[in-house]
Amino acid sequence: MPARVRRAPSCSRSVDRDVQNVVNVNLSGVFYCMQEAFRMMKDQSPRRRIINNGSISAHAPRPNSAPYTSTKHAVTGLTKSGSLDGAK
């Protein structure tokens, strides 16, 4: 079952622990899964792929979703950067 995060409030009403929880699940979780996938796949042939599932919020944010939306933007960047790291 995937990790779930209750919606963090807007920037003006966010509490540090709520924002950190969103970052931990939506960004750090993806990072550590990618890191482990790279370790597992580095000696495999043929080449494998990692597919990260982001959110439409990375392209079309909604009101009162700044913490969530920012992590989804970050997942997009992480995926692009990770694909360059994994290509070596």
N, C-alpha and C. Protein backbone atom coordinates (compact mmCIF):
# COMPACT_ATOMS: atom_id res chain seq x y z
N MET A 1 0.84 -1.18 0.00
CA MET A 1 0.00 0.00 0.00
C MET A 1 0.88 1.24 0.00
N PRO A 2 0.63 2.19 -0.89
CA PRO A 2 1.46 3.40 -0.95
C PRO A 2 1.29 4.26 0.29
N ALA A 3 2.33 5.02 0.56
CA ALA A 3 2.26 5.96 1.68
C ALA A 3 1.27 7.06 1.34
N ARG A 4 0.60 7.56 2.35
CA ARG A 4 -0.37 8.63 2.13
C ARG A 4 -0.08 9.77 3.07
N VAL A 5 -0.35 10.95 2.58
CA VAL A 5 -0.17 12.15 3.38
C VAL A 5 -1.48 12.91 3.38
N ARG A 6 -1.92 13.26 4.58
CA ARG A 6 -3.06 14.16 4.62
C ARG A 6 -2.63 15.49 4.04
N ARG A 7 -3.52 16.15 3.40
CA ARG A 7 -3.19 17.41 2.74
C ARG A 7 -2.63 18.41 3.75
N ALA A 8 -1.45 18.91 3.44
CA ALA A 8 -0.86 19.96 4.29
C ALA A 8 -1.55 21.27 3.97
N PRO A 9 -1.71 22.12 4.94
CA PRO A 9 -2.36 23.41 4.70
C PRO A 9 -1.53 24.32 3.80
N SER A 10 -2.09 25.45 3.47
CA SER A 10 -1.42 26.43 2.62
C SER A 10 -0.17 26.97 3.31
N CYS A 11 0.61 27.75 2.57
CA CYS A 11 1.84 28.33 3.13
C CYS A 11 1.57 29.14 4.39
N SER A 12 0.51 29.89 4.39
CA SER A 12 0.24 30.77 5.53
C SER A 12 -0.23 30.03 6.77
N ARG A 13 -0.70 28.78 6.62
CA ARG A 13 -1.22 28.04 7.77
C ARG A 13 -0.45 26.76 8.06
N SER A 14 0.63 26.51 7.35
CA SER A 14 1.37 25.25 7.52
C SER A 14 2.12 25.22 8.85
N VAL A 15 2.19 24.05 9.41
CA VAL A 15 2.97 23.78 10.61
C VAL A 15 4.18 22.98 10.16
N ASP A 16 5.34 23.27 10.73
CA ASP A 16 6.59 22.62 10.30
C ASP A 16 6.47 21.11 10.18
N ARG A 17 5.88 20.46 11.16
CA ARG A 17 5.83 18.99 11.12
C ARG A 17 4.95 18.48 9.98
N ASP A 18 3.90 19.23 9.65
CA ASP A 18 3.05 18.83 8.52
C ASP A 18 3.79 18.95 7.20
N VAL A 19 4.51 20.04 7.04
CA VAL A 19 5.28 20.23 5.81
C VAL A 19 6.37 19.17 5.72
N GLN A 20 7.07 18.93 6.82
CA GLN A 20 8.14 17.93 6.80
C GLN A 20 7.60 16.54 6.49
N ASN A 21 6.42 16.23 6.96
CA ASN A 21 5.81 14.94 6.66
C ASN A 21 5.54 14.81 5.16
N VAL A 22 5.04 15.86 4.54
CA VAL A 22 4.80 15.84 3.09
C VAL A 22 6.12 15.64 2.34
N VAL A 23 7.16 16.35 2.75
CA VAL A 23 8.48 16.21 2.11
C VAL A 23 9.03 14.80 2.31
N ASN A 24 8.91 14.27 3.51
CA ASN A 24 9.43 12.93 3.80
C ASN A 24 8.78 11.86 2.93
N VAL A 25 7.48 11.93 2.79
CA VAL A 25 6.77 10.91 2.02
C VAL A 25 6.91 11.14 0.52
N ASN A 26 6.60 12.35 0.07
CA ASN A 26 6.52 12.61 -1.37
C ASN A 26 7.87 12.78 -2.06
N LEU A 27 8.88 13.25 -1.35
CA LEU A 27 10.17 13.48 -1.99
C LEU A 27 11.24 12.53 -1.46
N SER A 28 11.44 12.50 -0.16
CA SER A 28 12.49 11.63 0.39
C SER A 28 12.19 10.17 0.09
N GLY A 29 10.95 9.77 0.19
CA GLY A 29 10.58 8.38 -0.11
C GLY A 29 10.93 8.00 -1.54
N VAL A 30 10.65 8.88 -2.49
CA VAL A 30 10.99 8.62 -3.89
C VAL A 30 12.51 8.56 -4.05
N PHE A 31 13.22 9.49 -3.43
CA PHE A 31 14.68 9.51 -3.53
C PHE A 31 15.29 8.20 -3.03
N TYR A 32 14.90 7.74 -1.85
CA TYR A 32 15.50 6.53 -1.29
C TYR A 32 15.11 5.28 -2.08
N CYS A 33 13.92 5.26 -2.62
CA CYS A 33 13.54 4.12 -3.49
C CYS A 33 14.37 4.11 -4.76
N MET A 34 14.58 5.30 -5.37
CA MET A 34 15.42 5.37 -6.56
C MET A 34 16.85 4.94 -6.25
N GLN A 35 17.35 5.39 -5.13
CA GLN A 35 18.72 5.05 -4.74
C GLN A 35 18.88 3.53 -4.62
N GLU A 36 17.94 2.89 -3.99
CA GLU A 36 18.01 1.43 -3.84
C GLU A 36 17.82 0.74 -5.19
N ALA A 37 16.94 1.27 -6.03
CA ALA A 37 16.75 0.68 -7.36
C ALA A 37 18.04 0.76 -8.17
N PHE A 38 18.75 1.89 -8.10
CA PHE A 38 20.04 2.01 -8.80
C PHE A 38 21.01 0.94 -8.32
N ARG A 39 21.07 0.72 -7.02
CA ARG A 39 21.97 -0.31 -6.48
C ARG A 39 21.62 -1.69 -7.02
N MET A 40 20.34 -1.99 -7.05
CA MET A 40 19.90 -3.31 -7.49
C MET A 40 20.10 -3.50 -9.00
N MET A 41 19.94 -2.45 -9.77
CA MET A 41 19.93 -2.58 -11.22
C MET A 41 21.29 -2.34 -11.87
N LYS A 42 22.28 -1.86 -11.14
CA LYS A 42 23.52 -1.43 -11.78
C LYS A 42 24.23 -2.54 -12.54
N ASP A 43 24.12 -3.77 -12.11
CA ASP A 43 24.81 -4.87 -12.79
C ASP A 43 23.87 -5.70 -13.66
N GLN A 44 22.63 -5.27 -13.78
CA GLN A 44 21.66 -6.03 -14.57
C GLN A 44 21.77 -5.68 -16.05
N SER A 45 21.47 -6.66 -16.86
CA SER A 45 21.42 -6.43 -18.30
C SER A 45 20.18 -7.15 -18.81
N PRO A 46 19.42 -6.68 -19.71
CA PRO A 46 19.57 -5.37 -20.35
C PRO A 46 19.24 -4.25 -19.38
N ARG A 47 19.49 -3.03 -19.83
CA ARG A 47 19.24 -1.86 -18.99
C ARG A 47 17.79 -1.83 -18.51
N ARG A 48 17.61 -1.40 -17.31
CA ARG A 48 16.27 -1.31 -16.71
C ARG A 48 15.84 0.14 -16.65
N ARG A 49 14.57 0.36 -16.30
CA ARG A 49 14.05 1.72 -16.18
C ARG A 49 13.41 1.91 -14.81
N ILE A 50 13.50 3.13 -14.33
CA ILE A 50 12.80 3.54 -13.12
C ILE A 50 11.72 4.51 -13.56
N ILE A 51 10.51 4.27 -13.12
CA ILE A 51 9.40 5.16 -13.44
C ILE A 51 8.85 5.71 -12.14
N ASN A 52 8.89 7.02 -12.01
CA ASN A 52 8.33 7.68 -10.82
C ASN A 52 6.97 8.26 -11.19
N ASN A 53 6.04 8.09 -10.29
CA ASN A 53 4.70 8.61 -10.49
C ASN A 53 4.56 9.93 -9.74
N GLY A 54 4.42 11.01 -10.47
CA GLY A 54 4.29 12.32 -9.85
C GLY A 54 2.84 12.70 -9.69
N SER A 55 2.52 13.90 -10.11
CA SER A 55 1.16 14.41 -9.97
C SER A 55 0.93 15.52 -10.97
N ILE A 56 -0.30 15.67 -11.39
CA ILE A 56 -0.67 16.78 -12.25
C ILE A 56 -0.39 18.11 -11.53
N SER A 57 -0.33 18.08 -10.22
CA SER A 57 -0.05 19.30 -9.44
C SER A 57 1.32 19.89 -9.76
N ALA A 58 2.23 19.08 -10.30
CA ALA A 58 3.52 19.62 -10.69
C ALA A 58 3.38 20.56 -11.89
N HIS A 59 2.30 20.43 -12.63
CA HIS A 59 2.09 21.24 -13.83
C HIS A 59 0.91 22.20 -13.70
N ALA A 60 -0.03 21.85 -12.85
CA ALA A 60 -1.23 22.69 -12.67
C ALA A 60 -1.60 22.71 -11.19
N PRO A 61 -0.89 23.52 -10.40
CA PRO A 61 -1.15 23.54 -8.95
C PRO A 61 -2.54 24.04 -8.60
N ARG A 62 -2.99 23.60 -7.44
CA ARG A 62 -4.29 24.04 -6.92
C ARG A 62 -4.06 24.95 -5.73
N PRO A 63 -5.05 25.75 -5.40
CA PRO A 63 -4.91 26.60 -4.20
C PRO A 63 -4.73 25.76 -2.93
N ASN A 64 -4.06 26.32 -1.98
CA ASN A 64 -3.87 25.68 -0.67
C ASN A 64 -3.14 24.34 -0.77
N SER A 65 -2.19 24.24 -1.68
CA SER A 65 -1.46 22.98 -1.82
C SER A 65 0.04 23.20 -1.99
N ALA A 66 0.56 24.31 -1.51
CA ALA A 66 1.97 24.64 -1.75
C ALA A 66 2.94 23.55 -1.28
N PRO A 67 2.82 23.00 -0.09
CA PRO A 67 3.77 21.95 0.31
C PRO A 67 3.69 20.72 -0.61
N TYR A 68 2.49 20.28 -0.91
CA TYR A 68 2.29 19.12 -1.79
C TYR A 68 2.82 19.42 -3.19
N THR A 69 2.42 20.55 -3.75
CA THR A 69 2.82 20.90 -5.11
C THR A 69 4.33 21.04 -5.22
N SER A 70 4.97 21.64 -4.24
CA SER A 70 6.42 21.81 -4.31
C SER A 70 7.14 20.46 -4.31
N THR A 71 6.64 19.49 -3.57
CA THR A 71 7.28 18.17 -3.58
C THR A 71 7.07 17.47 -4.91
N LYS A 72 5.94 17.70 -5.56
CA LYS A 72 5.69 17.07 -6.86
C LYS A 72 6.56 17.71 -7.94
N HIS A 73 6.81 19.01 -7.85
CA HIS A 73 7.79 19.64 -8.74
C HIS A 73 9.16 19.00 -8.51
N ALA A 74 9.50 18.80 -7.25
CA ALA A 74 10.79 18.22 -6.91
C ALA A 74 10.93 16.80 -7.45
N VAL A 75 9.87 16.01 -7.43
CA VAL A 75 9.92 14.65 -7.97
C VAL A 75 10.20 14.69 -9.47
N THR A 76 9.62 15.66 -10.17
CA THR A 76 9.90 15.80 -11.60
C THR A 76 11.38 16.07 -11.83
N GLY A 77 11.96 17.00 -11.06
CA GLY A 77 13.38 17.30 -11.19
C GLY A 77 14.26 16.13 -10.78
N LEU A 78 13.89 15.45 -9.72
CA LEU A 78 14.63 14.29 -9.25
C LEU A 78 14.64 13.20 -10.31
N THR A 79 13.52 12.97 -10.95
CA THR A 79 13.43 11.95 -11.99
C THR A 79 14.33 12.29 -13.17
N LYS A 80 14.29 13.54 -13.60
CA LYS A 80 15.14 13.96 -14.73
C LYS A 80 16.61 13.87 -14.36
N SER A 81 16.98 14.35 -13.20
CA SER A 81 18.37 14.29 -12.76
C SER A 81 18.81 12.84 -12.55
N GLY A 82 17.96 12.05 -11.94
CA GLY A 82 18.27 10.64 -11.71
C GLY A 82 18.48 9.86 -13.00
N SER A 83 17.73 10.23 -14.04
CA SER A 83 17.91 9.52 -15.32
C SER A 83 19.30 9.78 -15.89
N LEU A 84 19.85 10.96 -15.63
CA LEU A 84 21.22 11.24 -16.08
C LEU A 84 22.23 10.46 -15.24
N ASP A 85 22.00 10.38 -13.95
CA ASP A 85 22.89 9.61 -13.07
C ASP A 85 22.86 8.13 -13.43
N GLY A 86 21.69 7.62 -13.70
CA GLY A 86 21.53 6.19 -14.00
C GLY A 86 22.05 5.81 -15.37
N ALA A 87 22.22 6.78 -16.26
CA ALA A 87 22.67 6.48 -17.61
C ALA A 87 24.16 6.20 -17.68
N LYS A 88 24.90 6.54 -16.62
CA LYS A 88 26.35 6.32 -16.66
C LYS A 88 26.69 4.86 -16.46
